[in-house]
C-alpha atoms as a PDB file:
ATOM      1  CA  MET A   1     -53.815 -41.593 -12.560  1.00  0.00           C
ATOM      2  CA  LYS A   2     -51.473 -44.264 -11.922  1.00  0.00           C
ATOM      3  CA  LYS A   3     -48.674 -43.671  -9.277  1.00  0.00           C
ATOM      4  CA  ASN A   4     -45.517 -43.444 -11.197  1.00  0.00           C
ATOM      5  CA  CYS A   5     -42.533 -41.086 -11.903  1.00  0.00           C
ATOM      6  CA  ARG A   6     -43.914 -40.435 -15.102  1.00  0.00           C
ATOM      7  CA  ASN A   7     -46.972 -38.695 -13.514  1.00  0.00           C
ATOM      8  CA  CYS A   8     -45.323 -37.244 -10.599  1.00  0.00           C
ATOM      9  CA  HIS A   9     -44.447 -33.456 -10.188  1.00  0.00           C
ATOM     10  CA  PHE A  10     -40.742 -34.394  -8.936  1.00  0.00           C
ATOM     11  CA  LEU A  11     -39.598 -36.149 -12.137  1.00  0.00           C
ATOM     12  CA  THR A  12     -36.586 -33.696 -12.893  1.00  0.00           C
ATOM     13  CA  LYS A  13     -34.079 -32.970 -15.454  1.00  0.00           C
ATOM     14  CA  GLU A  14     -31.116 -31.665 -14.037  1.00  0.00           C
ATOM     15  CA  TYR A  15     -28.436 -29.601 -15.999  1.00  0.00           C
ATOM     16  CA  THR A  16     -24.826 -29.599 -14.931  1.00  0.00           C
ATOM     17  CA  SER A  17     -22.329 -27.500 -16.526  1.00  0.00           C
ATOM     18  CA  ILE A  18     -18.945 -29.012 -17.476  1.00  0.00           C
ATOM     19  CA  ASP A  19     -17.039 -25.905 -16.998  1.00  0.00           C
ATOM     20  CA  SER A  20     -18.388 -24.878 -13.984  1.00  0.00           C
ATOM     21  CA  ASP A  21     -20.197 -25.827 -10.809  1.00  0.00           C
ATOM     22  CA  PHE A  22     -23.268 -24.564 -12.009  1.00  0.00           C
ATOM     23  CA  GLU A  23     -26.296 -27.044 -11.803  1.00  0.00           C
ATOM     24  CA  THR A  24     -29.982 -26.224 -12.273  1.00  0.00           C
ATOM     25  CA  SER A  25     -33.234 -28.445 -12.127  1.00  0.00           C
ATOM     26  CA  ASN A  26     -36.330 -28.188 -14.011  1.00  0.00           C
ATOM     27  CA  SER A  27     -39.476 -30.275 -14.003  1.00  0.00           C
ATOM     28  CA  PHE A  28     -40.187 -32.649 -17.295  1.00  0.00           C
ATOM     29  CA  SER A  29     -42.542 -30.863 -19.550  1.00  0.00           C
ATOM     30  CA  ASN A  30     -45.787 -32.255 -20.673  1.00  0.00           C
ATOM     31  CA  VAL A  31     -44.406 -33.062 -24.118  1.00  0.00           C
ATOM     32  CA  GLU A  32     -41.254 -34.714 -22.582  1.00  0.00           C
ATOM     33  CA  ARG A  33     -43.660 -36.859 -20.398  1.00  0.00           C
ATOM     34  CA  CYS A  34     -45.501 -37.854 -23.289  1.00  0.00           C
ATOM     35  CA  GLU A  35     -42.098 -38.537 -25.186  1.00  0.00           C
ATOM     36  CA  ILE A  36     -41.411 -41.266 -22.511  1.00  0.00           C
ATOM     37  CA  ASP A  37     -44.120 -43.303 -23.530  1.00  0.00           C
ATOM     38  CA  ARG A  38     -43.843 -42.771 -27.187  1.00  0.00           C
ATOM     39  CA  MET A  39     -39.894 -43.732 -27.051  1.00  0.00           C
ATOM     40  CA  LYS A  40     -39.918 -45.978 -24.300  1.00  0.00           C
ATOM     41  CA  ALA A  41     -36.486 -44.166 -23.310  1.00  0.00           C
ATOM     42  CA  ASN A  42     -35.469 -40.942 -21.669  1.00  0.00           C
ATOM     43  CA  PRO A  43     -36.329 -38.079 -24.009  1.00  0.00           C
ATOM     44  CA  ILE A  44     -33.791 -35.637 -22.649  1.00  0.00           C
ATOM     45  CA  LYS A  45     -30.329 -35.286 -24.128  1.00  0.00           C
ATOM     46  CA  ASP A  46     -26.980 -33.835 -23.736  1.00  0.00           C
ATOM     47  CA  HIS A  47     -26.065 -32.480 -20.448  1.00  0.00           C
ATOM     48  CA  TYR A  48     -29.274 -33.175 -18.856  1.00  0.00           C
ATOM     49  CA  ALA A  49     -29.646 -36.197 -16.303  1.00  0.00           C
ATOM     50  CA  ALA A  50     -33.010 -37.392 -15.208  1.00  0.00           C
ATOM     51  CA  LYS A  51     -33.446 -37.652 -11.552  1.00  0.00           C
ATOM     52  CA  CYS A  52     -36.184 -37.593  -8.586  1.00  0.00           C
ATOM     53  CA  HIS A  53     -36.222 -33.976  -7.154  1.00  0.00           C
ATOM     54  CA  MET A  54     -36.647 -35.460  -3.790  1.00  0.00           C
ATOM     55  CA  GLY A  55     -33.886 -37.937  -3.849  1.00  0.00           C
ATOM     56  CA  VAL A  56     -35.548 -41.303  -4.332  1.00  0.00           C
ATOM     57  CA  TRP A  57     -33.164 -41.936  -7.742  1.00  0.00           C
ATOM     58  CA  ARG A  58     -30.862 -40.351 -10.001  1.00  0.00           C
ATOM     59  CA  GLU A  59     -29.990 -41.484 -13.485  1.00  0.00           C
ATOM     60  CA  GLY A  60     -26.482 -40.114 -13.387  1.00  0.00           C
ATOM     61  CA  ALA A  61     -24.326 -39.036 -16.318  1.00  0.00           C
ATOM     62  CA  THR A  62     -24.494 -42.117 -18.460  1.00  0.00           C
ATOM     63  CA  LYS A  63     -28.030 -42.848 -19.833  1.00  0.00           C
ATOM     64  CA  ASP A  64     -29.774 -45.667 -17.759  1.00  0.00           C
ATOM     65  CA  PRO A  65     -30.863 -48.316 -20.554  1.00  0.00           C
ATOM     66  CA  ASP A  66     -33.802 -49.543 -18.032  1.00  0.00           C
ATOM     67  CA  PHE A  67     -35.055 -45.818 -17.727  1.00  0.00           C
ATOM     68  CA  TYR A  68     -38.565 -46.651 -18.929  1.00  0.00           C
ATOM     69  CA  LYS A  69     -38.993 -49.357 -16.352  1.00  0.00           C
ATOM     70  CA  LYS A  70     -37.716 -47.132 -13.627  1.00  0.00           C
ATOM     71  CA  VAL A  71     -39.996 -44.271 -14.507  1.00  0.00           C
ATOM     72  CA  ILE A  72     -43.207 -46.254 -15.445  1.00  0.00           C
ATOM     73  CA  THR A  73     -43.216 -49.659 -14.028  1.00  0.00           C
ATOM     74  CA  SER A  74     -41.319 -49.498 -10.806  1.00  0.00           C
ATOM     75  CA  ASN A  75     -43.624 -49.974  -7.583  1.00  0.00           C
ATOM     76  CA  ARG A  76     -43.448 -46.479  -5.980  1.00  0.00           C
ATOM     77  CA  SER A  77     -45.835 -47.059  -3.144  1.00  0.00           C
ATOM     78  CA  ASN A  78     -43.146 -45.782  -0.660  1.00  0.00           C
ATOM     79  CA  CYS A  79     -42.152 -42.507  -2.164  1.00  0.00           C
ATOM     80  CA  PHE A  80     -42.877 -38.955  -2.387  1.00  0.00           C
ATOM     81  CA  PHE A  81     -45.380 -38.999  -5.230  1.00  0.00           C
ATOM     82  CA  TYR A  82     -47.435 -35.943  -5.986  1.00  0.00           C
ATOM     83  CA  PRO A  83     -49.408 -35.496  -9.227  1.00  0.00           C
ATOM     84  CA  TYR A  84     -47.678 -33.251 -11.879  1.00  0.00           C
ATOM     85  CA  GLN A  85     -48.927 -29.713 -11.784  1.00  0.00           C
ATOM     86  CA  LYS A  86     -48.002 -27.751 -14.901  1.00  0.00           C
ATOM     87  CA  GLY A  87     -46.398 -24.172 -13.529  1.00  0.00           C
ATOM     88  CA  MET A  88     -46.096 -25.346 -10.003  1.00  0.00           C
ATOM     89  CA  LEU A  89     -42.679 -24.608  -8.244  1.00  0.00           C
ATOM     90  CA  PHE A  90     -40.848 -27.545  -6.533  1.00  0.00           C
ATOM     91  CA  LYS A  91     -41.100 -25.875  -3.144  1.00  0.00           C
ATOM     92  CA  ALA A  92     -45.121 -25.555  -3.414  1.00  0.00           C
ATOM     93  CA  ALA A  93     -45.304 -29.098  -4.371  1.00  0.00           C
ATOM     94  CA  GLU A  94     -43.096 -30.250  -1.467  1.00  0.00           C
ATOM     95  CA  ILE A  95     -45.335 -28.515   0.839  1.00  0.00           C
ATOM     96  CA  MET A  96     -48.568 -30.008  -0.898  1.00  0.00           C
ATOM     97  CA  GLN A  97     -47.114 -33.469  -0.899  1.00  0.00           C
ATOM     98  CA  LYS A  98     -46.245 -33.336   2.890  1.00  0.00           C
ATOM     99  CA  ARG A  99     -49.820 -32.079   3.525  1.00  0.00           C
ATOM    100  CA  GLN A 100     -51.417 -34.762   1.409  1.00  0.00           C
ATOM    101  CA  GLN A 101     -49.144 -37.339   3.393  1.00  0.00           C
ATOM    102  CA  ASP A 102     -50.186 -36.034   6.633  1.00  0.00           C
ATOM    103  CA  ASN A 103     -54.013 -36.051   5.846  1.00  0.00           C
ATOM    104  CA  GLU A 104     -53.607 -39.746   4.643  1.00  0.00           C
ATOM    105  CA  HIS A 105     -51.868 -40.618   7.897  1.00  0.00           C
ATOM    106  CA  LEU A 106     -54.699 -38.619   9.833  1.00  0.00           C
ATOM    107  CA  LYS A 107     -57.352 -40.719   8.059  1.00  0.00           C
ATOM    108  CA  ARG A 108     -55.725 -43.947   8.797  1.00  0.00           C
ATOM    109  CA  SER A 109     -55.441 -43.172  12.543  1.00  0.00           C
ATOM    110  CA  ASN A 110     -58.725 -42.037  12.672  1.00  0.00           C
ATOM    111  CA  MET A 111     -59.982 -45.179  11.351  1.00  0.00           C
ATOM    112  CA  TYR A 112     -57.919 -47.150  13.842  1.00  0.00           C
ATOM    113  CA  THR A 113     -59.330 -44.898  16.767  1.00  0.00           C
ATOM    114  CA  ARG A 114     -62.991 -45.614  15.475  1.00  0.00           C
ATOM    115  CA  ILE A 115     -62.231 -49.496  15.435  1.00  0.00           C
ATOM    116  CA  GLY A 116     -60.656 -49.382  19.000  1.00  0.00           C
ATOM    117  CA  LEU A 117     -64.084 -47.280  20.135  1.00  0.00           C
ATOM    118  CA  TRP A 118     -66.284 -49.894  18.728  1.00  0.00           C
ATOM    119  CA  ILE A 119     -64.386 -52.750  20.070  1.00  0.00           C
ATOM    120  CA  ALA A 120     -64.336 -50.824  23.423  1.00  0.00           C
ATOM    121  CA  ALA A 121     -68.110 -50.244  23.239  1.00  0.00           C
ATOM    122  CA  GLY A 122     -68.873 -53.986  22.313  1.00  0.00           C
ATOM    123  CA  ALA A 123     -66.686 -55.142  25.264  1.00  0.00           C
ATOM    124  CA  LEU A 124     -68.718 -52.701  27.468  1.00  0.00           C
ATOM    125  CA  ILE A 125     -72.050 -54.078  26.321  1.00  0.00           C
ATOM    126  CA  LEU A 126     -70.829 -57.604  26.692  1.00  0.00           C
ATOM    127  CA  ASN A 127     -69.701 -56.955  30.361  1.00  0.00           C
ATOM    128  CA  VAL A 128     -73.203 -55.480  31.062  1.00  0.00           C
ATOM    129  CA  VAL A 129     -74.879 -58.661  29.643  1.00  0.00           C
ATOM    130  CA  VAL A 130     -72.598 -60.917  31.605  1.00  0.00           C
ATOM    131  CA  ASN A 131     -73.019 -59.110  35.018  1.00  0.00           C
ATOM    132  CA  TYR A 132     -76.787 -58.938  34.461  1.00  0.00           C
ATOM    133  CA  LEU A 133     -76.812 -62.740  33.798  1.00  0.00           C
ATOM    134  CA  SER A 134     -74.565 -63.523  36.720  1.00  0.00           C
ATOM    135  CA  LYS A 135     -76.826 -61.451  39.303  1.00  0.00           C
ATOM    136  CA  ASN A 136     -80.055 -63.196  37.830  1.00  0.00           C
ATOM    137  CA  THR A 137     -78.872 -66.809  38.164  1.00  0.00           C
END
């Protein structure tokens, strides 16, 4: 799965009432996500604005002409991507995304630890060989 906003659980449509301060956010449906590819534009209308639930970007009241580019082709290597899961609440997705991110950092840290241990072991072996050769000469 490509890491872009269209495939991310946090792609959100936000409704803001004109008359009051009422505001609500919902995840894009599967149909709306498919419409993005078909229309090459924002499929939501009227009082809705597209945004990232995690605050990376927000479309605003005026529809962004570069919406497709922002949602499909933008480099999202440093964001809060979590694959879309139908029916999952934002709070659960936030926890799962955090857990996934922590696991990735742990794997990277473990890899560096293993590399460091191999380098240290190699240096110890080299030290033993050098000491052995210096005593025998």
